[in-house]
């Protein structure tokens, strides 16, 4: 297997488009990578030429991307580099795609709170602003999520000390003060 694996640091340039296919979910979005260099003469940071890539993801990664990434967010993308050429209207065009293996938020530019996805819990991966994400979706029968069987604010949770026989699937962490990053 002679794949070219790359790791890119940049920003989501478009929203994630998600589609169900016969083999599972598929997602794609455009990714912008702009190098920054220190200009010694001017004594300031300058931006280089922005390169754009189309990032493709499949199955679970695709579903998780659709519920986690918004336009402008800083990301780290790791995957297989694919370069293809097409001829359209008499002009030859080159496209550079990344078939993602892993995608995450760039924590040098902000904080994130990880939520483990439980099978059968669509609210954790539903697109931002959807009815499922807001908690309007019905939970599967017998569901016990990170906040108890009734979801966030389960009245029984405050009466149960942690470790009292109730198995917790995740521990939620609240992000601390936002850290300022230096370019």
Protein backbone atom coordinates (compact mmCIF):
# COMPACT_ATOMS: atom_id res chain seq x y z
CA UNK A 1 0.00 0.00 0.00
CA UNK A 2 1.75 3.13 -1.23
CA UNK A 3 -0.52 5.91 0.01
CA UNK A 4 0.72 9.41 0.69
CA UNK A 5 -0.41 10.34 4.20
CA UNK A 6 -0.47 14.02 5.09
CA UNK A 7 -1.37 16.10 8.13
CA UNK A 8 -2.76 19.59 7.50
CA UNK A 9 -3.48 22.42 9.91
CA UNK A 10 -6.02 25.03 8.83
CA UNK A 11 -9.68 26.08 8.97
CA UNK A 12 -12.98 24.66 7.76
CA UNK A 13 -13.81 26.86 4.75
CA UNK A 14 -17.33 25.45 4.23
CA UNK A 15 -19.90 23.63 6.28
CA UNK A 16 -19.82 19.84 6.34
CA UNK A 17 -22.13 18.27 3.75
CA UNK A 18 -23.36 14.89 5.01
CA UNK A 19 -25.16 12.20 3.00
CA UNK A 20 -26.27 8.67 3.74
CA UNK A 21 -25.08 6.14 1.16
CA UNK A 22 -25.60 2.41 0.72
CA UNK A 23 -22.29 1.72 2.49
CA UNK A 24 -22.76 4.25 5.32
CA UNK A 25 -22.40 7.99 5.77
CA UNK A 26 -20.28 10.24 3.58
CA UNK A 27 -19.20 13.79 4.39
CA UNK A 28 -17.15 16.43 2.64
CA UNK A 29 -16.04 19.98 3.29
CA UNK A 30 -13.50 22.45 1.94
CA UNK A 31 -10.42 23.06 4.05
CA UNK A 32 -8.21 26.17 3.86
CA UNK A 33 -4.53 26.08 4.80
CA UNK A 34 -2.67 29.40 5.03
CA UNK A 35 1.00 29.38 6.05
CA UNK A 36 2.16 32.19 8.34
CA UNK A 37 5.71 33.48 8.25
CA UNK A 38 7.62 35.97 10.37
CA UNK A 39 8.75 38.89 8.21
CA UNK A 40 12.03 40.05 9.76
CA UNK A 41 12.11 43.31 7.82
CA UNK A 42 8.60 44.43 8.81
CA UNK A 43 8.75 42.72 12.22
CA UNK A 44 5.29 41.14 11.88
CA UNK A 45 3.51 37.96 10.84
CA UNK A 46 2.41 37.71 7.20
CA UNK A 47 0.07 35.26 5.53
CA UNK A 48 1.20 33.18 2.59
CA UNK A 49 -0.92 31.87 -0.29
CA UNK A 50 -4.01 29.92 0.87
CA UNK A 51 -4.36 26.37 -0.45
CA UNK A 52 -7.79 24.72 -0.55
CA UNK A 53 -8.48 21.00 -0.21
CA UNK A 54 -11.64 18.94 -0.31
CA UNK A 55 -11.76 16.65 2.70
CA UNK A 56 -13.77 13.43 2.34
CA UNK A 57 -14.79 11.22 5.25
CA UNK A 58 -16.76 7.98 5.47
CA UNK A 59 -18.95 6.09 7.95
CA UNK A 60 -18.54 7.04 11.63
CA UNK A 61 -16.01 9.80 10.99
CA UNK A 62 -18.40 11.37 8.48
CA UNK A 63 -21.28 11.31 10.95
CA UNK A 64 -19.17 12.74 13.78
CA UNK A 65 -17.83 15.51 11.50
CA UNK A 66 -21.33 16.62 10.59
CA UNK A 67 -22.19 17.14 14.25
CA UNK A 68 -18.88 18.66 15.34
CA UNK A 69 -17.44 21.02 12.70
CA UNK A 70 -18.64 24.47 11.66
CA UNK A 71 -17.31 27.01 9.17
CA UNK A 72 -14.16 28.79 10.33
CA UNK A 73 -13.17 26.36 13.04
CA UNK A 74 -9.45 25.51 13.32
CA UNK A 75 -8.80 21.85 12.52
CA UNK A 76 -6.06 19.29 12.11
CA UNK A 77 -6.78 16.83 9.28
CA UNK A 78 -4.83 13.61 8.77
CA UNK A 79 -5.45 11.41 5.75
CA UNK A 80 -4.55 10.15 2.29
CA UNK A 81 -3.59 12.72 -0.33
CA UNK A 82 -5.37 12.26 -3.67
CA UNK A 83 -4.57 14.46 -6.67
CA UNK A 84 -6.80 14.19 -9.71
CA UNK A 85 -7.02 16.01 -13.01
CA UNK A 86 -10.18 16.62 -15.01
CA UNK A 87 -10.91 18.34 -18.25
CA UNK A 88 -13.92 20.65 -18.16
CA UNK A 89 -14.98 22.92 -21.00
CA UNK A 90 -11.65 22.41 -22.72
CA UNK A 91 -9.61 23.38 -19.65
CA UNK A 92 -7.54 20.98 -17.62
CA UNK A 93 -8.11 21.40 -13.86
CA UNK A 94 -6.31 19.86 -10.91
CA UNK A 95 -8.13 18.92 -7.70
CA UNK A 96 -6.46 18.01 -4.43
CA UNK A 97 -8.50 15.85 -2.05
CA UNK A 98 -7.81 14.41 1.37
CA UNK A 99 -9.48 11.13 2.32
CA UNK A 100 -9.59 11.72 6.07
CA UNK A 101 -8.42 9.12 8.56
CA UNK A 102 -8.71 11.47 11.56
CA UNK A 103 -9.93 15.05 12.10
CA UNK A 104 -9.76 17.10 15.28
CA UNK A 105 -9.96 20.64 16.52
CA UNK A 106 -6.64 22.50 16.73
CA UNK A 107 -6.22 23.01 20.47
CA UNK A 108 -3.41 25.52 20.02
CA UNK A 109 -6.14 27.99 19.01
CA UNK A 110 -8.92 27.15 21.48
CA UNK A 111 -10.49 24.55 23.73
CA UNK A 112 -12.86 21.70 23.01
CA UNK A 113 -15.00 19.34 25.07
CA UNK A 114 -14.98 15.75 23.85
CA UNK A 115 -18.18 13.71 23.95
CA UNK A 116 -17.97 9.97 23.34
CA UNK A 117 -20.67 8.83 20.92
CA UNK A 118 -22.96 6.13 22.19
CA UNK A 119 -24.48 3.84 19.59
CA UNK A 120 -28.15 4.65 19.11
CA UNK A 121 -27.80 8.23 20.40
CA UNK A 122 -28.25 10.44 17.32
CA UNK A 123 -28.38 13.69 19.30
CA UNK A 124 -24.62 13.61 19.84
CA UNK A 125 -23.84 13.60 16.13
CA UNK A 126 -26.81 15.51 14.74
CA UNK A 127 -25.97 18.71 12.85
CA UNK A 128 -25.85 21.86 14.96
CA UNK A 129 -29.30 23.48 15.26
CA UNK A 130 -31.30 20.36 14.38
CA UNK A 131 -34.24 19.08 16.44
CA UNK A 132 -32.25 15.97 17.37
CA UNK A 133 -29.33 18.06 18.69
CA UNK A 134 -31.63 20.22 20.84
CA UNK A 135 -32.90 17.15 22.69
CA UNK A 136 -36.26 16.97 20.91
CA UNK A 137 -35.46 13.49 19.56
CA UNK A 138 -36.70 10.49 21.46
CA UNK A 139 -34.08 8.46 23.24
CA UNK A 140 -33.89 4.73 22.51
CA UNK A 141 -35.61 2.50 25.04
CA UNK A 142 -33.30 1.57 27.88
CA UNK A 143 -30.85 4.36 27.00
CA UNK A 144 -28.52 5.41 29.77
CA UNK A 145 -26.39 8.30 28.59
CA UNK A 146 -23.79 10.38 30.37
CA UNK A 147 -26.48 12.27 32.31
CA UNK A 148 -28.69 9.34 33.28
CA UNK A 149 -31.69 7.72 31.65
CA UNK A 150 -33.63 10.94 31.15
CA UNK A 151 -30.77 13.00 29.76
CA UNK A 152 -29.40 16.30 31.08
CA UNK A 153 -30.95 17.47 34.31
CA UNK A 154 -32.21 14.05 35.41
CA UNK A 155 -33.55 14.75 38.91
CA UNK A 156 -32.23 11.40 40.14
CA UNK A 157 -28.64 12.28 39.26
CA UNK A 158 -28.23 14.77 42.10
CA UNK A 159 -29.28 12.13 44.63
CA UNK A 160 -26.80 9.52 43.36
CA UNK A 161 -23.19 10.04 44.42
CA UNK A 162 -20.66 9.25 41.71
CA UNK A 163 -19.57 5.65 41.96
CA UNK A 164 -22.70 4.46 43.79
CA UNK A 165 -23.24 1.55 41.45
CA UNK A 166 -24.49 3.64 38.51
CA UNK A 167 -22.12 3.07 35.62
CA UNK A 168 -21.26 6.34 33.89
CA UNK A 169 -20.30 6.11 30.22
CA UNK A 170 -18.50 9.46 30.11
CA UNK A 171 -17.42 12.23 32.41
CA UNK A 172 -18.25 15.71 31.18
CA UNK A 173 -15.61 18.35 31.51
CA UNK A 174 -16.28 22.03 31.30
CA UNK A 175 -13.75 24.09 29.43
CA UNK A 176 -11.83 26.49 31.61
CA UNK A 177 -11.02 30.06 30.72
CA UNK A 178 -10.36 30.50 27.05
CA UNK A 179 -6.65 30.79 26.43
CA UNK A 180 -5.30 33.47 24.16
CA UNK A 181 -2.97 32.13 21.51
CA UNK A 182 0.00 33.89 20.03
CA UNK A 183 0.27 33.83 16.22
